[in-house]
Amino acid sequence: MPTIASADDAPTRPQLLARRKGSSPPHVPTPPRDAPPPSAWTNHSLQLVDRRVLHKLAASEVLILDCIREDADSWLLPFELPRRDRPHSSASPTRVSFLQALELVRQTGIAAAHLGEGVPREWRFLMQQIALGWASTPPNFPAHGPYRGVIRVRATERRCRGGQLSGLDAEVFLYCSDQLVASGTGIIDFVSQSSYRALRRGSPGFQPASDPEVLLEQKLTRSDTVLHARLGVNTDDPFVFDHPVDHLPGMLLAQAALTAHARVSKAARPSRFELRSKQFAEHGIPTFVHCIKSGESATHSRFYQSGLLVAEVDCG
C-alpha cells in the first residue's frame, strides 16, 4: 500500500524542484514475489496510447501501447522499442540502449499518471528522479522487428493537493516473455498550466541550437578520471526535442551523462543509472558538465548553470 501525502497549499519552487531521494548509488528495487506474470494480464487487444497523452508530437516517438490496471496500485504497460539507437542514426544496434530504456520509463510514468490516475492531460509534468538497472545484461533486439515487452508500474507514494494527484513515486519492472529485464524507480510531479506559468515566469524560454555533439570542449584531468565539458544542445534531434520546450529536457542530460561515463570509466555500457533534478536547466545559458570516476566502473556527473547545480547523475 503506497503512502499518501496531502498538501492544500500551492507548492513552492524548492518543493517542486528539489524533492529527491538522497545521493547514494542507484538503487534497483526487487519485484514482488507474489505478482502474477505480466502475460496473464495482457491477452487482449491493445488500445494504442494517443501521442498527446505522452506529450508527443510524433506518433513514431510513442513507445507505450496501452495502460492496463492490475490492482489499486499497479499497472501493466505493453511497449515496443524500435530497432534504432537514435532517430538519425543509420546504424542498426544489436542491443537496447540505456537511453531508449530511460525514455521508456519516463513515458511509463506519464502514461500511468494520466491514464491510470486521472491527472488532467493538459497538466505539466516535472521529472524529479529517474533510475534504472539491468537485471543482467542489456537485452538483444530480435532478428526482425521491434523489441517488445511489458512494464509493471507499482505506486509507492501519492502526493495530493486539493483532492487532485500532484505527485507520484513508483517502482518499475521491465519484462520480456515474463523474464525480468530491468527495474528502476521514478519520482514525478504534476502542476496545472497556471501553476507552471507562475513557476516559469521570467525563464528564457525555448531557443533553437544546433551543436554537433552532446559534449563540447572536453578536457580530461587527473589521469583521465575527471572530465570537464560544456553541454551541447541540438534542438533538431527529435528524440530529445520532439517538440519545443522551455527548458533543457532531462533526456539531454541523461545522454550527456552516459557519454561522459563511457569516456571516464572506459566501460562500454553501464548497468545502473540514476538522474536527480535540482532545478530547471535553461536554454541559452552555458551548461557545464563535470564527471568524476567514483568507483571501478562508476561515475558521478554534475551539471551547472551560472554556478548552480541543476542535476546530478550516478552511473555504475
Protein backbone atom coordinates (compact mmCIF):
# COMPACT_ATOMS: atom_id res chain seq x y z
CA MET A 1 0.00 0.00 0.00
CA PRO A 2 1.56 3.31 -1.02
CA THR A 3 1.72 6.26 1.34
CA ILE A 4 -0.44 9.28 0.60
CA ALA A 5 0.71 12.81 1.34
CA SER A 6 -1.63 15.77 1.18
CA ALA A 7 -0.78 19.45 0.80
CA ASP A 8 -3.52 22.05 0.33
CA ASP A 9 -1.16 24.96 -0.22
CA ALA A 10 0.35 25.68 -3.64
CA PRO A 11 3.83 24.16 -3.95
CA THR A 12 6.86 26.40 -3.81
CA ARG A 13 9.70 26.24 -6.35
CA PRO A 14 12.02 24.40 -3.89
CA GLN A 15 9.28 21.89 -3.08
CA LEU A 16 8.69 21.10 -6.74
CA LEU A 17 12.26 21.15 -7.98
CA ALA A 18 14.39 19.97 -5.07
CA ARG A 19 12.49 16.86 -3.94
CA ARG A 20 14.85 13.92 -4.23
CA LYS A 21 15.81 10.70 -2.50
CA GLY A 22 19.38 11.26 -1.34
CA SER A 23 22.57 10.88 -3.37
CA SER A 24 23.53 7.26 -2.80
CA PRO A 25 24.40 4.92 -5.69
CA PRO A 26 21.47 3.94 -7.93
CA HIS A 27 19.01 1.66 -6.17
CA VAL A 28 17.24 -1.08 -8.10
CA PRO A 29 14.00 -2.37 -6.49
CA THR A 30 13.02 -6.01 -6.21
CA PRO A 31 9.81 -7.15 -7.96
CA PRO A 32 7.02 -8.51 -5.76
CA ARG A 33 7.27 -12.27 -5.35
CA ASP A 34 3.53 -12.93 -5.41
CA ALA A 35 2.79 -10.90 -8.55
CA PRO A 36 1.39 -12.92 -11.48
CA PRO A 37 3.42 -12.93 -14.70
CA PRO A 38 2.60 -9.93 -16.90
CA SER A 39 1.40 -12.19 -19.72
CA ALA A 40 -1.52 -13.27 -17.55
CA TRP A 41 -2.97 -9.76 -17.87
CA THR A 42 -2.19 -8.79 -21.44
CA ASN A 43 -4.09 -11.33 -23.57
CA HIS A 44 -6.43 -8.75 -25.08
CA SER A 45 -6.49 -6.24 -27.89
CA LEU A 46 -4.17 -3.32 -27.21
CA GLN A 47 -5.55 0.21 -27.22
CA LEU A 48 -2.73 2.28 -28.70
CA VAL A 49 -1.86 5.24 -26.48
CA ASP A 50 -2.59 8.62 -28.06
CA ARG A 51 0.64 10.57 -28.61
CA ARG A 52 -0.94 13.57 -26.86
CA VAL A 53 -1.21 11.59 -23.63
CA LEU A 54 2.59 11.29 -23.63
CA HIS A 55 3.05 14.94 -24.67
CA LYS A 56 4.47 13.94 -28.06
CA LEU A 57 4.01 15.49 -31.49
CA ALA A 58 5.20 12.45 -33.47
CA ALA A 59 3.42 9.11 -33.11
CA SER A 60 6.71 7.43 -34.03
CA GLU A 61 8.19 8.60 -30.71
CA VAL A 62 5.49 6.85 -28.65
CA LEU A 63 6.80 3.66 -27.01
CA ILE A 64 3.81 2.74 -24.80
CA LEU A 65 0.99 0.68 -26.35
CA ASP A 66 -1.57 0.50 -23.54
CA CYS A 67 -2.15 1.03 -19.82
CA ILE A 68 -3.88 -1.85 -18.02
CA ARG A 69 -4.81 -1.55 -14.35
CA GLU A 70 -3.59 -4.60 -12.42
CA ASP A 71 -4.80 -3.55 -8.95
CA ALA A 72 -5.30 -0.37 -6.94
CA ASP A 73 -1.60 0.48 -7.02
CA SER A 74 -0.21 -1.31 -10.09
CA TRP A 75 -0.48 -1.04 -13.88
CA LEU A 76 0.85 -3.02 -16.81
CA LEU A 77 2.04 -1.14 -19.88
CA PRO A 78 2.96 -3.11 -23.02
CA PHE A 79 5.69 -1.41 -25.05
CA GLU A 80 7.66 -1.58 -28.28
CA LEU A 81 11.19 -0.27 -28.77
CA PRO A 82 12.18 0.38 -32.40
CA ARG A 83 15.41 -1.16 -33.65
CA ARG A 84 17.38 2.08 -33.74
CA ASP A 85 19.64 3.75 -31.22
CA ARG A 86 18.95 7.30 -32.36
CA PRO A 87 16.41 8.56 -34.90
CA HIS A 88 19.07 9.98 -37.25
CA SER A 89 21.44 7.03 -36.97
CA SER A 90 21.90 4.67 -39.88
CA ALA A 91 23.36 2.02 -37.58
CA SER A 92 21.29 -0.99 -36.63
CA PRO A 93 22.12 -1.77 -32.98
CA THR A 94 22.02 -5.29 -31.63
CA ARG A 95 21.16 -4.29 -28.05
CA VAL A 96 18.59 -1.99 -26.46
CA SER A 97 20.33 1.24 -25.45
CA PHE A 98 20.18 2.68 -21.95
CA LEU A 99 18.85 5.96 -23.33
CA GLN A 100 15.94 4.19 -25.02
CA ALA A 101 15.15 2.32 -21.81
CA LEU A 102 15.21 5.55 -19.79
CA GLU A 103 12.83 7.23 -22.24
CA LEU A 104 10.57 4.20 -21.91
CA VAL A 105 10.49 4.59 -18.11
CA ARG A 106 9.80 8.33 -18.48
CA GLN A 107 6.84 7.68 -20.79
CA THR A 108 5.60 4.97 -18.42
CA GLY A 109 5.28 7.42 -15.54
CA ILE A 110 3.37 9.94 -17.67
CA ALA A 111 1.01 7.28 -19.05
CA ALA A 112 0.30 5.80 -15.62
CA ALA A 113 -0.47 9.22 -14.16
CA HIS A 114 -2.76 10.36 -17.00
CA LEU A 115 -4.48 7.07 -17.88
CA GLY A 116 -4.26 5.27 -14.54
CA GLU A 117 -4.62 8.09 -12.01
CA GLY A 118 -6.69 10.66 -13.87
CA VAL A 119 -4.20 13.53 -13.92
CA PRO A 120 -5.56 16.08 -16.43
CA ARG A 121 -3.80 15.78 -19.78
CA GLU A 122 -3.10 19.49 -20.02
CA TRP A 123 -1.12 19.48 -16.76
CA ARG A 124 2.66 19.72 -16.98
CA PHE A 125 4.95 17.10 -15.50
CA LEU A 126 8.26 17.54 -13.67
CA MET A 127 10.57 14.52 -13.52
CA GLN A 128 12.41 14.77 -10.21
CA GLN A 129 14.24 11.44 -10.31
CA ILE A 130 14.63 8.51 -12.67
CA ALA A 131 16.68 5.37 -12.10
CA LEU A 132 17.14 2.10 -13.98
CA GLY A 133 19.29 -1.00 -13.75
CA TRP A 134 19.59 -4.05 -15.99
CA ALA A 135 18.81 -7.40 -14.37
CA SER A 136 21.84 -8.88 -16.14
CA THR A 137 23.00 -7.51 -19.50
CA PRO A 138 21.22 -5.18 -21.94
CA PRO A 139 18.71 -7.24 -23.93
CA ASN A 140 19.25 -8.03 -27.60
CA PHE A 141 16.87 -6.92 -30.31
CA PRO A 142 15.15 -9.75 -32.18
CA ALA A 143 16.41 -10.56 -35.64
CA HIS A 144 13.49 -8.61 -37.12
CA GLY A 145 11.06 -6.07 -35.79
CA PRO A 146 10.96 -4.11 -32.51
CA TYR A 147 11.80 -5.24 -29.01
CA ARG A 148 8.52 -5.96 -27.23
CA GLY A 149 7.74 -6.33 -23.55
CA VAL A 150 5.63 -5.21 -20.61
CA ILE A 151 6.36 -2.77 -17.78
CA ARG A 152 4.78 -3.28 -14.38
CA VAL A 153 4.42 0.03 -12.51
CA ARG A 154 3.80 -0.02 -8.75
CA ALA A 155 2.94 3.21 -6.91
CA THR A 156 4.87 3.63 -3.66
CA GLU A 157 3.69 7.15 -2.74
CA ARG A 158 0.99 9.51 -3.93
CA ARG A 159 1.00 13.24 -3.24
CA CYS A 160 -2.28 15.11 -3.45
CA ARG A 161 -3.23 18.78 -3.50
CA GLY A 162 -6.81 20.00 -3.40
CA GLY A 163 -8.07 16.44 -3.93
CA GLN A 164 -6.05 16.05 -7.13
CA LEU A 165 -2.99 13.87 -7.58
CA SER A 166 0.03 16.16 -7.83
CA GLY A 167 2.91 13.71 -7.46
CA LEU A 168 3.73 10.04 -7.82
CA ASP A 169 6.63 7.87 -6.67
CA ALA A 170 6.78 4.48 -8.36
CA GLU A 171 8.83 1.36 -8.95
CA VAL A 172 9.02 -0.06 -12.47
CA PHE A 173 9.84 -3.58 -13.66
CA LEU A 174 10.53 -4.37 -17.32
CA TYR A 175 9.68 -7.85 -18.58
CA CYS A 176 10.13 -9.69 -21.85
CA SER A 177 8.43 -13.10 -22.16
CA ASP A 178 7.78 -12.89 -18.39
CA GLN A 179 11.51 -12.63 -17.65
CA LEU A 180 12.68 -9.61 -15.64
CA VAL A 181 14.92 -7.47 -17.85
CA ALA A 182 15.37 -4.30 -15.76
CA SER A 183 13.93 -2.44 -12.79
CA GLY A 184 14.01 1.12 -11.57
CA THR A 185 12.27 3.98 -9.82
CA GLY A 186 10.77 7.34 -10.70
CA ILE A 187 9.56 10.46 -8.91
CA ILE A 188 7.31 12.76 -10.89
CA ASP A 189 5.28 15.86 -10.00
CA PHE A 190 2.34 17.39 -11.86
CA VAL A 191 1.26 21.03 -11.95
CA SER A 192 -1.58 22.85 -13.63
CA GLN A 193 -0.94 25.15 -16.57
CA SER A 194 -1.42 28.23 -14.39
CA SER A 195 0.95 26.95 -11.70
CA TYR A 196 3.52 26.08 -14.35
CA ARG A 197 3.32 29.54 -15.90
CA ALA A 198 3.89 31.08 -12.47
CA LEU A 199 6.77 28.70 -11.83
CA ARG A 200 8.43 29.55 -15.14
CA ARG A 201 7.81 33.30 -15.13
CA GLY A 202 10.98 35.06 -16.28
CA SER A 203 12.61 31.99 -17.85
CA PRO A 204 14.49 32.48 -21.17
CA GLY A 205 12.16 30.06 -22.96
CA PHE A 206 12.91 27.85 -25.96
CA GLN A 207 15.94 28.81 -28.06
CA PRO A 208 16.99 26.84 -31.18
CA ALA A 209 20.53 25.40 -31.17
CA SER A 210 22.47 23.03 -33.41
CA ASP A 211 25.59 21.92 -31.57
CA PRO A 212 27.31 18.97 -33.30
CA GLU A 213 27.96 16.91 -30.15
CA VAL A 214 26.40 16.49 -26.71
CA LEU A 215 29.76 17.20 -25.00
CA LEU A 216 31.79 20.16 -26.22
CA GLU A 217 35.22 21.46 -25.22
CA GLN A 218 36.06 18.22 -23.41
CA LYS A 219 39.04 18.19 -21.07
CA LEU A 220 40.29 15.16 -19.15
CA THR A 221 42.35 15.65 -15.97
CA ARG A 222 43.76 13.59 -13.09
CA SER A 223 44.97 10.70 -15.21
CA ASP A 224 41.74 10.68 -17.25
CA THR A 225 39.47 10.20 -14.19
CA VAL A 226 37.83 13.65 -14.32
CA LEU A 227 36.07 15.14 -17.33
CA HIS A 228 35.09 18.79 -17.76
CA ALA A 229 32.93 19.78 -20.72
CA ARG A 230 30.21 22.11 -21.94
CA LEU A 231 26.81 20.65 -22.77
CA GLY A 232 25.94 20.63 -26.46
CA VAL A 233 22.32 21.24 -27.47
CA ASN A 234 20.74 20.21 -30.78
CA THR A 235 17.08 21.17 -30.85
CA ASP A 236 16.69 19.41 -34.23
CA ASP A 237 17.09 15.99 -32.55
CA PRO A 238 13.52 14.58 -32.42
CA PHE A 239 14.44 12.02 -29.75
CA VAL A 240 15.19 14.76 -27.20
CA PHE A 241 13.17 17.62 -28.72
CA ASP A 242 10.03 16.03 -30.16
CA HIS A 243 8.51 19.48 -29.64
CA PRO A 244 9.81 22.85 -28.38
CA VAL A 245 10.07 23.01 -24.59
CA ASP A 246 11.02 25.95 -22.40
CA HIS A 247 13.88 24.10 -20.65
CA LEU A 248 16.59 21.56 -21.45
CA PRO A 249 14.99 18.09 -21.20
CA GLY A 250 16.22 15.51 -18.73
CA MET A 251 16.89 13.09 -21.60
CA LEU A 252 19.51 15.51 -22.92
CA LEU A 253 21.26 15.49 -19.54
CA ALA A 254 20.97 11.69 -19.42
CA GLN A 255 22.55 11.41 -22.88
CA ALA A 256 25.42 13.68 -21.81
CA ALA A 257 25.97 11.76 -18.57
CA LEU A 258 26.06 8.42 -20.39
CA THR A 259 28.54 9.84 -22.91
CA ALA A 260 30.75 11.22 -20.12
CA HIS A 261 30.54 7.92 -18.24
CA ALA A 262 31.83 6.00 -21.26
CA ARG A 263 34.70 8.46 -21.63
CA VAL A 264 35.79 8.43 -17.98
CA SER A 265 35.05 4.86 -16.87
CA LYS A 266 36.16 3.23 -20.15
CA ALA A 267 33.14 0.93 -19.66
CA ALA A 268 31.17 0.20 -22.82
CA ARG A 269 27.79 0.18 -21.07
CA PRO A 270 26.65 1.00 -17.53
CA SER A 271 24.45 -1.45 -15.68
CA ARG A 272 22.76 1.15 -13.46
CA PHE A 273 21.80 4.80 -13.80
CA GLU A 274 20.12 7.46 -11.69
CA LEU A 275 19.37 11.12 -12.53
CA ARG A 276 18.22 13.58 -9.87
CA SER A 277 16.93 17.02 -10.85
CA LYS A 278 17.64 20.05 -8.68
CA GLN A 279 16.18 22.85 -10.81
CA PHE A 280 15.31 23.66 -14.41
CA ALA A 281 18.17 23.71 -16.90
CA GLU A 282 17.56 26.75 -19.08
CA HIS A 283 18.07 27.40 -22.77
CA GLY A 284 20.67 29.96 -23.78
CA ILE A 285 22.79 29.63 -20.63
CA PRO A 286 26.06 27.65 -20.85
CA THR A 287 25.73 24.32 -19.05
CA PHE A 288 28.92 22.79 -17.70
CA VAL A 289 29.36 19.07 -17.11
CA HIS A 290 31.76 17.67 -14.51
CA CYS A 291 32.14 13.89 -14.45
CA ILE A 292 34.41 12.07 -11.99
CA LYS A 293 35.25 8.40 -11.69
CA SER A 294 33.65 7.32 -8.40
CA GLY A 295 34.38 3.59 -8.47
CA GLU A 296 35.93 0.83 -10.55
CA SER A 297 33.31 1.24 -13.27
CA ALA A 298 31.19 4.03 -11.74
CA THR A 299 30.96 7.77 -12.35
CA HIS A 300 29.26 10.77 -10.79
CA SER A 301 28.27 13.67 -13.06
CA ARG A 302 27.06 17.14 -12.15
CA PHE A 303 25.51 19.81 -14.36
CA TYR A 304 25.92 23.50 -13.55
CA GLN A 305 24.44 26.73 -14.91
CA SER A 306 25.71 30.07 -13.62
CA GLY A 307 27.45 28.21 -10.81
CA LEU A 308 24.25 26.49 -9.63
CA LEU A 309 23.73 22.73 -9.61
CA VAL A 310 20.82 21.78 -11.88
CA ALA A 311 21.15 17.97 -11.89
CA GLU A 312 23.40 15.10 -10.90
CA VAL A 313 23.76 11.59 -12.29
CA ASP A 314 25.27 8.35 -10.97
CA CYS A 315 26.27 5.62 -13.43
CA GLY A 316 27.72 2.26 -12.48
